[in-house]
PDB file of N, CA and C in Angstrom:
ATOM      1  N   MET A   1       0.843  -1.177   0.000  1.00  0.00           N
ATOM      2  CA  MET A   1       0.000   0.000   0.000  1.00  0.00           C
ATOM      3  C   MET A   1       0.891   1.244   0.000  1.00  0.00           C
ATOM      4  N   ALA A   2       0.610   2.163  -0.878  1.00  0.00           N
ATOM      5  CA  ALA A   2       1.371   3.410  -0.948  1.00  0.00           C
ATOM      6  C   ALA A   2       0.907   4.347   0.153  1.00  0.00           C
ATOM      7  N   THR A   3       1.846   5.112   0.666  1.00  0.00           N
ATOM      8  CA  THR A   3       1.486   6.094   1.688  1.00  0.00           C
ATOM      9  C   THR A   3       1.369   7.450   1.030  1.00  0.00           C
ATOM     10  N   LYS A   4       0.472   8.240   1.528  1.00  0.00           N
ATOM     11  CA  LYS A   4       0.271   9.587   1.016  1.00  0.00           C
ATOM     12  C   LYS A   4       0.977  10.568   1.934  1.00  0.00           C
ATOM     13  N   GLU A   5       1.819  11.401   1.362  1.00  0.00           N
ATOM     14  CA  GLU A   5       2.523  12.404   2.150  1.00  0.00           C
ATOM     15  C   GLU A   5       1.555  13.539   2.475  1.00  0.00           C
ATOM     16  N   VAL A   6       1.482  13.893   3.731  1.00  0.00           N
ATOM     17  CA  VAL A   6       0.591  14.954   4.182  1.00  0.00           C
ATOM     18  C   VAL A   6       1.415  16.210   4.403  1.00  0.00           C
ATOM     19  N   SER A   7       0.935  17.311   3.866  1.00  0.00           N
ATOM     20  CA  SER A   7       1.629  18.579   4.025  1.00  0.00           C
ATOM     21  C   SER A   7       1.335  19.158   5.406  1.00  0.00           C
ATOM     22  N   ARG A   8       2.386  19.506   6.112  1.00  0.00           N
ATOM     23  CA  ARG A   8       2.266  20.135   7.430  1.00  0.00           C
ATOM     24  C   ARG A   8       3.194  21.351   7.459  1.00  0.00           C
ATOM     25  N   PRO A   9       2.716  22.462   6.913  1.00  0.00           N
ATOM     26  CA  PRO A   9       3.581  23.637   6.783  1.00  0.00           C
ATOM     27  C   PRO A   9       4.175  24.130   8.089  1.00  0.00           C
ATOM     28  N   GLN A  10       3.416  24.123   9.176  1.00  0.00           N
ATOM     29  CA  GLN A  10       3.952  24.618  10.446  1.00  0.00           C
ATOM     30  C   GLN A  10       5.112  23.751  10.912  1.00  0.00           C
ATOM     31  N   GLU A  11       4.984  22.437  10.768  1.00  0.00           N
ATOM     32  CA  GLU A  11       6.073  21.538  11.150  1.00  0.00           C
ATOM     33  C   GLU A  11       7.275  21.733  10.233  1.00  0.00           C
ATOM     34  N   ALA A  12       7.010  21.881   8.945  1.00  0.00           N
ATOM     35  CA  ALA A  12       8.097  22.101   7.990  1.00  0.00           C
ATOM     36  C   ALA A  12       8.832  23.399   8.299  1.00  0.00           C
ATOM     37  N   ASN A  13       8.095  24.466   8.593  1.00  0.00           N
ATOM     38  CA  ASN A  13       8.727  25.745   8.909  1.00  0.00           C
ATOM     39  C   ASN A  13       9.546  25.667  10.188  1.00  0.00           C
ATOM     40  N   LYS A  14       9.045  24.941  11.175  1.00  0.00           N
ATOM     41  CA  LYS A  14       9.793  24.762  12.429  1.00  0.00           C
ATOM     42  C   LYS A  14      11.082  24.001  12.154  1.00  0.00           C
ATOM     43  N   GLY A  15      10.992  22.946  11.347  1.00  0.00           N
ATOM     44  CA  GLY A  15      12.187  22.179  10.989  1.00  0.00           C
ATOM     45  C   GLY A  15      13.195  23.022  10.235  1.00  0.00           C
ATOM     46  N   ALA A  16      12.711  23.836   9.312  1.00  0.00           N
ATOM     47  CA  ALA A  16      13.610  24.707   8.549  1.00  0.00           C
ATOM     48  C   ALA A  16      14.315  25.697   9.465  1.00  0.00           C
ATOM     49  N   ALA A  17      13.597  26.231  10.424  1.00  0.00           N
ATOM     50  CA  ALA A  17      14.208  27.171  11.374  1.00  0.00           C
ATOM     51  C   ALA A  17      15.275  26.482  12.211  1.00  0.00           C
ATOM     52  N   GLU A  18      15.022  25.245  12.604  1.00  0.00           N
ATOM     53  CA  GLU A  18      16.009  24.499  13.390  1.00  0.00           C
ATOM     54  C   GLU A  18      17.258  24.198  12.564  1.00  0.00           C
ATOM     55  N   VAL A  19      17.064  23.808  11.306  1.00  0.00           N
ATOM     56  CA  VAL A  19      18.210  23.547  10.426  1.00  0.00           C
ATOM     57  C   VAL A  19      19.018  24.820  10.232  1.00  0.00           C
ATOM     58  N   HIS A  20      18.338  25.935  10.003  1.00  0.00           N
ATOM     59  CA  HIS A  20      19.056  27.197   9.796  1.00  0.00           C
ATOM     60  C   HIS A  20      19.828  27.611  11.052  1.00  0.00           C
ATOM     61  N   ALA A  21      19.247  27.403  12.209  1.00  0.00           N
ATOM     62  CA  ALA A  21      19.946  27.737  13.459  1.00  0.00           C
ATOM     63  C   ALA A  21      21.205  26.881  13.605  1.00  0.00           C
ATOM     64  N   SER A  22      21.093  25.603  13.277  1.00  0.00           N
ATOM     65  CA  SER A  22      22.268  24.720  13.350  1.00  0.00           C
ATOM     66  C   SER A  22      23.325  25.157  12.347  1.00  0.00           C
ATOM     67  N   TYR A  23      22.892  25.456  11.137  1.00  0.00           N
ATOM     68  CA  TYR A  23      23.802  25.924  10.096  1.00  0.00           C
ATOM     69  C   TYR A  23      24.536  27.187  10.538  1.00  0.00           C
ATOM     70  N   SER A  24      23.816  28.104  11.171  1.00  0.00           N
ATOM     71  CA  SER A  24      24.417  29.366  11.610  1.00  0.00           C
ATOM     72  C   SER A  24      25.553  29.139  12.598  1.00  0.00           C
ATOM     73  N   VAL A  25      25.440  28.107  13.406  1.00  0.00           N
ATOM     74  CA  VAL A  25      26.508  27.766  14.360  1.00  0.00           C
ATOM     75  C   VAL A  25      27.633  27.021  13.644  1.00  0.00           C
ATOM     76  N   LEU A  26      27.270  26.012  12.851  1.00  0.00           N
ATOM     77  CA  LEU A  26      28.282  25.170  12.205  1.00  0.00           C
ATOM     78  C   LEU A  26      29.158  25.929  11.219  1.00  0.00           C
ATOM     79  N   ARG A  27      28.614  26.903  10.532  1.00  0.00           N
ATOM     80  CA  ARG A  27      29.393  27.623   9.517  1.00  0.00           C
ATOM     81  C   ARG A  27      30.512  28.465  10.115  1.00  0.00           C
ATOM     82  N   GLU A  28      30.470  28.700  11.417  1.00  0.00           N
ATOM     83  CA  GLU A  28      31.443  29.572  12.064  1.00  0.00           C
ATOM     84  C   GLU A  28      32.810  28.929  12.284  1.00  0.00           C
ATOM     85  N   SER A  29      32.912  27.613  12.195  1.00  0.00           N
ATOM     86  CA  SER A  29      34.206  26.962  12.422  1.00  0.00           C
ATOM     87  C   SER A  29      34.523  25.998  11.283  1.00  0.00           C
ATOM     88  N   GLU A  30      35.791  25.760  11.081  1.00  0.00           N
ATOM     89  CA  GLU A  30      36.210  24.797  10.054  1.00  0.00           C
ATOM     90  C   GLU A  30      35.658  23.414  10.378  1.00  0.00           C
ATOM     91  N   GLU A  31      35.687  23.034  11.635  1.00  0.00           N
ATOM     92  CA  GLU A  31      35.141  21.731  12.042  1.00  0.00           C
ATOM     93  C   GLU A  31      33.645  21.647  11.720  1.00  0.00           C
ATOM     94  N   GLY A  32      32.929  22.701  11.974  1.00  0.00           N
ATOM     95  CA  GLY A  32      31.501  22.737  11.670  1.00  0.00           C
ATOM     96  C   GLY A  32      31.238  22.647  10.177  1.00  0.00           C
ATOM     97  N   ARG A  33      32.025  23.383   9.387  1.00  0.00           N
ATOM     98  CA  ARG A  33      31.862  23.336   7.925  1.00  0.00           C
ATOM     99  C   ARG A  33      32.176  21.939   7.404  1.00  0.00           C
ATOM    100  N   GLN A  34      33.215  21.310   7.943  1.00  0.00           N
ATOM    101  CA  GLN A  34      33.546  19.949   7.516  1.00  0.00           C
ATOM    102  C   GLN A  34      32.434  18.963   7.875  1.00  0.00           C
ATOM    103  N   SER A  35      31.795  19.183   9.003  1.00  0.00           N
ATOM    104  CA  SER A  35      30.656  18.338   9.393  1.00  0.00           C
ATOM    105  C   SER A  35      29.510  18.495   8.400  1.00  0.00           C
ATOM    106  N   MET A  36      29.245  19.731   7.986  1.00  0.00           N
ATOM    107  CA  MET A  36      28.187  19.972   6.995  1.00  0.00           C
ATOM    108  C   MET A  36      28.542  19.317   5.661  1.00  0.00           C
ATOM    109  N   ILE A  37      29.795  19.418   5.274  1.00  0.00           N
ATOM    110  CA  ILE A  37      30.236  18.812   4.013  1.00  0.00           C
ATOM    111  C   ILE A  37      30.047  17.295   4.075  1.00  0.00           C
ATOM    112  N   ALA A  38      30.378  16.698   5.205  1.00  0.00           N
ATOM    113  CA  ALA A  38      30.213  15.244   5.362  1.00  0.00           C
ATOM    114  C   ALA A  38      28.748  14.835   5.255  1.00  0.00           C
ATOM    115  N   LEU A  39      27.841  15.695   5.691  1.00  0.00           N
ATOM    116  CA  LEU A  39      26.415  15.370   5.642  1.00  0.00           C
ATOM    117  C   LEU A  39      25.878  15.281   4.213  1.00  0.00           C
ATOM    118  N   MET A  40      26.634  15.758   3.238  1.00  0.00           N
ATOM    119  CA  MET A  40      26.195  15.621   1.851  1.00  0.00           C
ATOM    120  C   MET A  40      26.197  14.162   1.408  1.00  0.00           C
ATOM    121  N   GLN A  41      26.800  13.280   2.217  1.00  0.00           N
ATOM    122  CA  GLN A  41      26.836  11.847   1.913  1.00  0.00           C
ATOM    123  C   GLN A  41      25.886  11.044   2.791  1.00  0.00           C
ATOM    124  N   ASP A  42      25.064  11.707   3.573  1.00  0.00           N
ATOM    125  CA  ASP A  42      24.147  11.031   4.485  1.00  0.00           C
ATOM    126  C   ASP A  42      23.173  10.145   3.703  1.00  0.00           C
ATOM    127  N   PRO A  43      22.766   9.017   4.298  1.00  0.00           N
ATOM    128  CA  PRO A  43      21.808   8.146   3.599  1.00  0.00           C
ATOM    129  C   PRO A  43      20.429   8.787   3.388  1.00  0.00           C
ATOM    130  N   GLU A  44      20.065   9.741   4.225  1.00  0.00           N
ATOM    131  CA  GLU A  44      18.756  10.392   4.114  1.00  0.00           C
ATOM    132  C   GLU A  44      18.785  11.517   3.080  1.00  0.00           C
ATOM    133  N   ALA A  45      17.881  11.441   2.128  1.00  0.00           N
ATOM    134  CA  ALA A  45      17.821  12.461   1.072  1.00  0.00           C
ATOM    135  C   ALA A  45      17.582  13.854   1.643  1.00  0.00           C
ATOM    136  N   SER A  46      16.763  13.952   2.680  1.00  0.00           N
ATOM    137  CA  SER A  46      16.480  15.271   3.257  1.00  0.00           C
ATOM    138  C   SER A  46      17.745  15.900   3.825  1.00  0.00           C
ATOM    139  N   VAL A  47      18.565  15.102   4.476  1.00  0.00           N
ATOM    140  CA  VAL A  47      19.809  15.603   5.060  1.00  0.00           C
ATOM    141  C   VAL A  47      20.766  16.010   3.951  1.00  0.00           C
ATOM    142  N   ARG A  48      20.897  15.177   2.915  1.00  0.00           N
ATOM    143  CA  ARG A  48      21.778  15.512   1.790  1.00  0.00           C
ATOM    144  C   ARG A  48      21.340  16.817   1.122  1.00  0.00           C
ATOM    145  N   CYS A  49      20.040  16.986   0.961  1.00  0.00           N
ATOM    146  CA  CYS A  49      19.525  18.183   0.295  1.00  0.00           C
ATOM    147  C   CYS A  49      19.848  19.441   1.100  1.00  0.00           C
ATOM    148  N   TRP A  50      19.542  19.421   2.394  1.00  0.00           N
ATOM    149  CA  TRP A  50      19.836  20.578   3.241  1.00  0.00           C
ATOM    150  C   TRP A  50      21.333  20.855   3.296  1.00  0.00           C
ATOM    151  N   ALA A  51      22.129  19.797   3.469  1.00  0.00           N
ATOM    152  CA  ALA A  51      23.578  19.983   3.571  1.00  0.00           C
ATOM    153  C   ALA A  51      24.142  20.554   2.272  1.00  0.00           C
ATOM    154  N   ALA A  52      23.742  19.987   1.152  1.00  0.00           N
ATOM    155  CA  ALA A  52      24.264  20.458  -0.134  1.00  0.00           C
ATOM    156  C   ALA A  52      23.873  21.907  -0.391  1.00  0.00           C
ATOM    157  N   ALA A  53      22.645  22.266  -0.083  1.00  0.00           N
ATOM    158  CA  ALA A  53      22.212  23.647  -0.284  1.00  0.00           C
ATOM    159  C   ALA A  53      23.069  24.614   0.530  1.00  0.00           C
ATOM    160  N   HIS A  54      23.408  24.218   1.740  1.00  0.00           N
ATOM    161  CA  HIS A  54      24.216  25.087   2.595  1.00  0.00           C
ATOM    162  C   HIS A  54      25.700  25.028   2.265  1.00  0.00           C
ATOM    163  N   CYS A  55      26.142  23.955   1.637  1.00  0.00           N
ATOM    164  CA  CYS A  55      27.571  23.811   1.306  1.00  0.00           C
ATOM    165  C   CYS A  55      27.931  24.392  -0.058  1.00  0.00           C
ATOM    166  N   LEU A  56      26.964  24.908  -0.777  1.00  0.00           N
ATOM    167  CA  LEU A  56      27.264  25.490  -2.087  1.00  0.00           C
ATOM    168  C   LEU A  56      28.325  26.579  -1.993  1.00  0.00           C
ATOM    169  N   GLN A  57      28.386  27.266  -0.879  1.00  0.00           N
ATOM    170  CA  GLN A  57      29.361  28.354  -0.744  1.00  0.00           C
ATOM    171  C   GLN A  57      30.779  27.857  -0.484  1.00  0.00           C
ATOM    172  N   TRP A  58      30.948  26.624   0.034  1.00  0.00           N
ATOM    173  CA  TRP A  58      32.289  26.098   0.346  1.00  0.00           C
ATOM    174  C   TRP A  58      32.747  25.057  -0.655  1.00  0.00           C
ATOM    175  N   ARG A  59      31.841  24.233  -1.100  1.00  0.00           N
ATOM    176  CA  ARG A  59      32.150  23.156  -2.039  1.00  0.00           C
ATOM    177  C   ARG A  59      31.119  23.161  -3.165  1.00  0.00           C
ATOM    178  N   PRO A  60      31.149  24.206  -3.988  1.00  0.00           N
ATOM    179  CA  PRO A  60      30.086  24.357  -4.988  1.00  0.00           C
ATOM    180  C   PRO A  60      29.959  23.195  -5.964  1.00  0.00           C
ATOM    181  N   GLU A  61      31.072  22.640  -6.422  1.00  0.00           N
ATOM    182  CA  GLU A  61      30.990  21.549  -7.402  1.00  0.00           C
ATOM    183  C   GLU A  61      30.379  20.300  -6.773  1.00  0.00           C
ATOM    184  N   ALA A  62      30.852  19.931  -5.591  1.00  0.00           N
ATOM    185  CA  ALA A  62      30.336  18.736  -4.910  1.00  0.00           C
ATOM    186  C   ALA A  62      28.871  18.926  -4.522  1.00  0.00           C
ATOM    187  N   ALA A  63      28.538  20.113  -4.021  1.00  0.00           N
ATOM    188  CA  ALA A  63      27.161  20.384  -3.615  1.00  0.00           C
ATOM    189  C   ALA A  63      26.223  20.349  -4.818  1.00  0.00           C
ATOM    190  N   ARG A  64      26.661  20.913  -5.927  1.00  0.00           N
ATOM    191  CA  ARG A  64      25.842  20.892  -7.150  1.00  0.00           C
ATOM    192  C   ARG A  64      25.589  19.459  -7.593  1.00  0.00           C
ATOM    193  N   ARG A  65      26.620  18.616  -7.535  1.00  0.00           N
ATOM    194  CA  ARG A  65      26.436  17.211  -7.940  1.00  0.00           C
ATOM    195  C   ARG A  65      25.392  16.523  -7.067  1.00  0.00           C
ATOM    196  N   VAL A  66      25.442  16.770  -5.772  1.00  0.00           N
ATOM    197  CA  VAL A  66      24.464  16.174  -4.851  1.00  0.00           C
ATOM    198  C   VAL A  66      23.065  16.668  -5.188  1.00  0.00           C
ATOM    199  N   LEU A  67      22.917  17.969  -5.388  1.00  0.00           N
ATOM    200  CA  LEU A  67      21.603  18.535  -5.706  1.00  0.00           C
ATOM    201  C   LEU A  67      21.094  18.048  -7.060  1.00  0.00           C
ATOM    202  N   GLU A  68      21.977  17.938  -8.028  1.00  0.00           N
ATOM    203  CA  GLU A  68      21.556  17.436  -9.341  1.00  0.00           C
ATOM    204  C   GLU A  68      21.094  15.985  -9.252  1.00  0.00           C
ATOM    205  N   ALA A  69      21.802  15.183  -8.471  1.00  0.00           N
ATOM    206  CA  ALA A  69      21.400  13.780  -8.298  1.00  0.00           C
ATOM    207  C   ALA A  69      20.035  13.691  -7.621  1.00  0.00           C
ATOM    208  N   LEU A  70      19.819  14.524  -6.609  1.00  0.00           N
ATOM    209  CA  LEU A  70      18.513  14.542  -5.948  1.00  0.00           C
ATOM    210  C   LEU A  70      17.424  15.007  -6.908  1.00  0.00           C
ATOM    211  N   ARG A  71      17.704  16.057  -7.660  1.00  0.00           N
ATOM    212  CA  ARG A  71      16.734  16.569  -8.635  1.00  0.00           C
ATOM    213  C   ARG A  71      16.354  15.488  -9.642  1.00  0.00           C
ATOM    214  N   ASP A  72      17.348  14.786 -10.132  1.00  0.00           N
ATOM    215  CA  ASP A  72      17.117  13.782 -11.168  1.00  0.00           C
ATOM    216  C   ASP A  72      16.523  12.479 -10.644  1.00  0.00           C
ATOM    217  N   SER A  73      16.499  12.314  -9.329  1.00  0.00           N
ATOM    218  CA  SER A  73      15.964  11.079  -8.736  1.00  0.00           C
ATOM    219  C   SER A  73      14.439  11.036  -8.758  1.00  0.00           C
ATOM    220  N   HIS A  74      13.821  12.183  -8.922  1.00  0.00           N
ATOM    221  CA  HIS A  74      12.357  12.302  -8.884  1.00  0.00           C
ATOM    222  C   HIS A  74      11.795  11.782  -7.566  1.00  0.00           C
ATOM    223  N   GLY A  75      12.609  11.862  -6.518  1.00  0.00           N
ATOM    224  CA  GLY A  75      12.201  11.456  -5.176  1.00  0.00           C
ATOM    225  C   GLY A  75      11.574  12.607  -4.430  1.00  0.00           C
ATOM    226  N   PRO A  76      11.360  12.431  -3.128  1.00  0.00           N
ATOM    227  CA  PRO A  76      10.651  13.443  -2.345  1.00  0.00           C
ATOM    228  C   PRO A  76      11.367  14.791  -2.242  1.00  0.00           C
ATOM    229  N   PHE A  77      12.657  14.842  -2.482  1.00  0.00           N
ATOM    230  CA  PHE A  77      13.377  16.111  -2.371  1.00  0.00           C
ATOM    231  C   PHE A  77      13.872  16.617  -3.718  1.00  0.00           C
ATOM    232  N   SER A  78      13.370  16.029  -4.792  1.00  0.00           N
ATOM    233  CA  SER A  78      13.804  16.457  -6.123  1.00  0.00           C
ATOM    234  C   SER A  78      13.365  17.894  -6.425  1.00  0.00           C
ATOM    235  N   PHE A  79      12.177  18.267  -5.999  1.00  0.00           N
ATOM    236  CA  PHE A  79      11.698  19.636  -6.241  1.00  0.00           C
ATOM    237  C   PHE A  79      12.529  20.645  -5.456  1.00  0.00           C
ATOM    238  N   ASP A  80      12.818  20.344  -4.184  1.00  0.00           N
ATOM    239  CA  ASP A  80      13.645  21.239  -3.367  1.00  0.00           C
ATOM    240  C   ASP A  80      15.014  21.443  -4.015  1.00  0.00           C
ATOM    241  N   ALA A  81      15.610  20.349  -4.463  1.00  0.00           N
ATOM    242  CA  ALA A  81      16.923  20.428  -5.099  1.00  0.00           C
ATOM    243  C   ALA A  81      16.849  21.238  -6.389  1.00  0.00           C
ATOM    244  N   GLU A  82      15.804  21.007  -7.177  1.00  0.00           N
ATOM    245  CA  GLU A  82      15.636  21.746  -8.428  1.00  0.00           C
ATOM    246  C   GLU A  82      15.495  23.238  -8.174  1.00  0.00           C
ATOM    247  N   MET A  83      14.698  23.622  -7.191  1.00  0.00           N
ATOM    248  CA  MET A  83      14.498  25.036  -6.885  1.00  0.00           C
ATOM    249  C   MET A  83      15.770  25.676  -6.331  1.00  0.00           C
ATOM    250  N   THR A  84      16.521  24.935  -5.535  1.00  0.00           N
ATOM    251  CA  THR A  84      17.789  25.458  -5.021  1.00  0.00           C
ATOM    252  C   THR A  84      18.746  25.737  -6.171  1.00  0.00           C
ATOM    253  N   LEU A  85      18.864  24.786  -7.091  1.00  0.00           N
ATOM    254  CA  LEU A  85      19.747  24.981  -8.251  1.00  0.00           C
ATOM    255  C   LEU A  85      19.258  26.136  -9.123  1.00  0.00           C
ATOM    256  N   ASP A  86      17.961  26.247  -9.294  1.00  0.00           N
ATOM    257  CA  ASP A  86      17.401  27.341 -10.093  1.00  0.00           C
ATOM    258  C   ASP A  86      17.741  28.696  -9.468  1.00  0.00           C
ATOM    259  N   GLU A  87      17.545  28.814  -8.167  1.00  0.00           N
ATOM    260  CA  GLU A  87      17.861  30.067  -7.481  1.00  0.00           C
ATOM    261  C   GLU A  87      19.357  30.365  -7.533  1.00  0.00           C
ATOM    262  N   LEU A  88      20.188  29.339  -7.394  1.00  0.00           N
ATOM    263  CA  LEU A  88      21.637  29.515  -7.507  1.00  0.00           C
ATOM    264  C   LEU A  88      22.003  30.036  -8.887  1.00  0.00           C
ATOM    265  N   ASP A  89      21.489  29.385  -9.914  1.00  0.00           N
ATOM    266  CA  ASP A  89      21.824  29.763 -11.290  1.00  0.00           C
ATOM    267  C   ASP A  89      21.328  31.165 -11.651  1.00  0.00           C
ATOM    268  N   LYS A  90      20.273  31.606 -10.998  1.00  0.00           N
ATOM    269  CA  LYS A  90      19.752  32.954 -11.248  1.00  0.00           C
ATOM    270  C   LYS A  90      20.421  33.998 -10.355  1.00  0.00           C
ATOM    271  N   GLY A  91      21.341  33.548  -9.477  1.00  0.00           N
ATOM    272  CA  GLY A  91      22.057  34.479  -8.616  1.00  0.00           C
ATOM    273  C   GLY A  91      21.229  34.995  -7.461  1.00  0.00           C
ATOM    274  N   ARG A  92      20.177  34.278  -7.098  1.00  0.00           N
ATOM    275  CA  ARG A  92      19.283  34.748  -6.045  1.00  0.00           C
ATOM    276  C   ARG A  92      19.405  33.955  -4.750  1.00  0.00           C
ATOM    277  N   LEU A  93      20.381  33.088  -4.655  1.00  0.00           N
ATOM    278  CA  LEU A  93      20.541  32.279  -3.442  1.00  0.00           C
ATOM    279  C   LEU A  93      21.429  33.030  -2.466  1.00  0.00           C
ATOM    280  N   SER A  94      20.968  33.127  -1.218  1.00  0.00           N
ATOM    281  CA  SER A  94      21.782  33.803  -0.202  1.00  0.00           C
ATOM    282  C   SER A  94      22.108  32.807   0.909  1.00  0.00           C
ATOM    283  N   PHE A  95      23.189  33.069   1.605  1.00  0.00           N
ATOM    284  CA  PHE A  95      23.645  32.172   2.667  1.00  0.00           C
ATOM    285  C   PHE A  95      23.578  32.853   4.029  1.00  0.00           C
ATOM    286  N   GLY A  96      22.696  33.826   4.167  1.00  0.00           N
ATOM    287  CA  GLY A  96      22.587  34.589   5.401  1.00  0.00           C
ATOM    288  C   GLY A  96      21.924  33.896   6.535  1.00  0.00           C
TER     289      GLY A  96
END
C-alpha cells in the first residue's frame, strides 16, 4: 500500500528554522563546515539536500552534484533540489 505524504507547513517551517539555526553555528568553524560537508553523503535524502544547499558556498561543485542527483531522482526532495539549483543559477541564493 502506498502512503500519502501529508503537508504540514507549520512543522516544515519549524524544521527549517532548526536547520538554519544549526547551520548558523556550524558555519562559524572549520570543524563545523567539515561536518556539513560530510552530511552531503548522508543516507537520508532530506539531510543531503539541506547539507548540499548550505555547502554550495564552500564546495560548490560537490554540492551541485548532490543537488543534481537529488533533482534527477524524482524522489521526495527532487523539487527542493531543483528550486535550489534554479535560485543559484539565477544568482538569487543567499547564505545569510
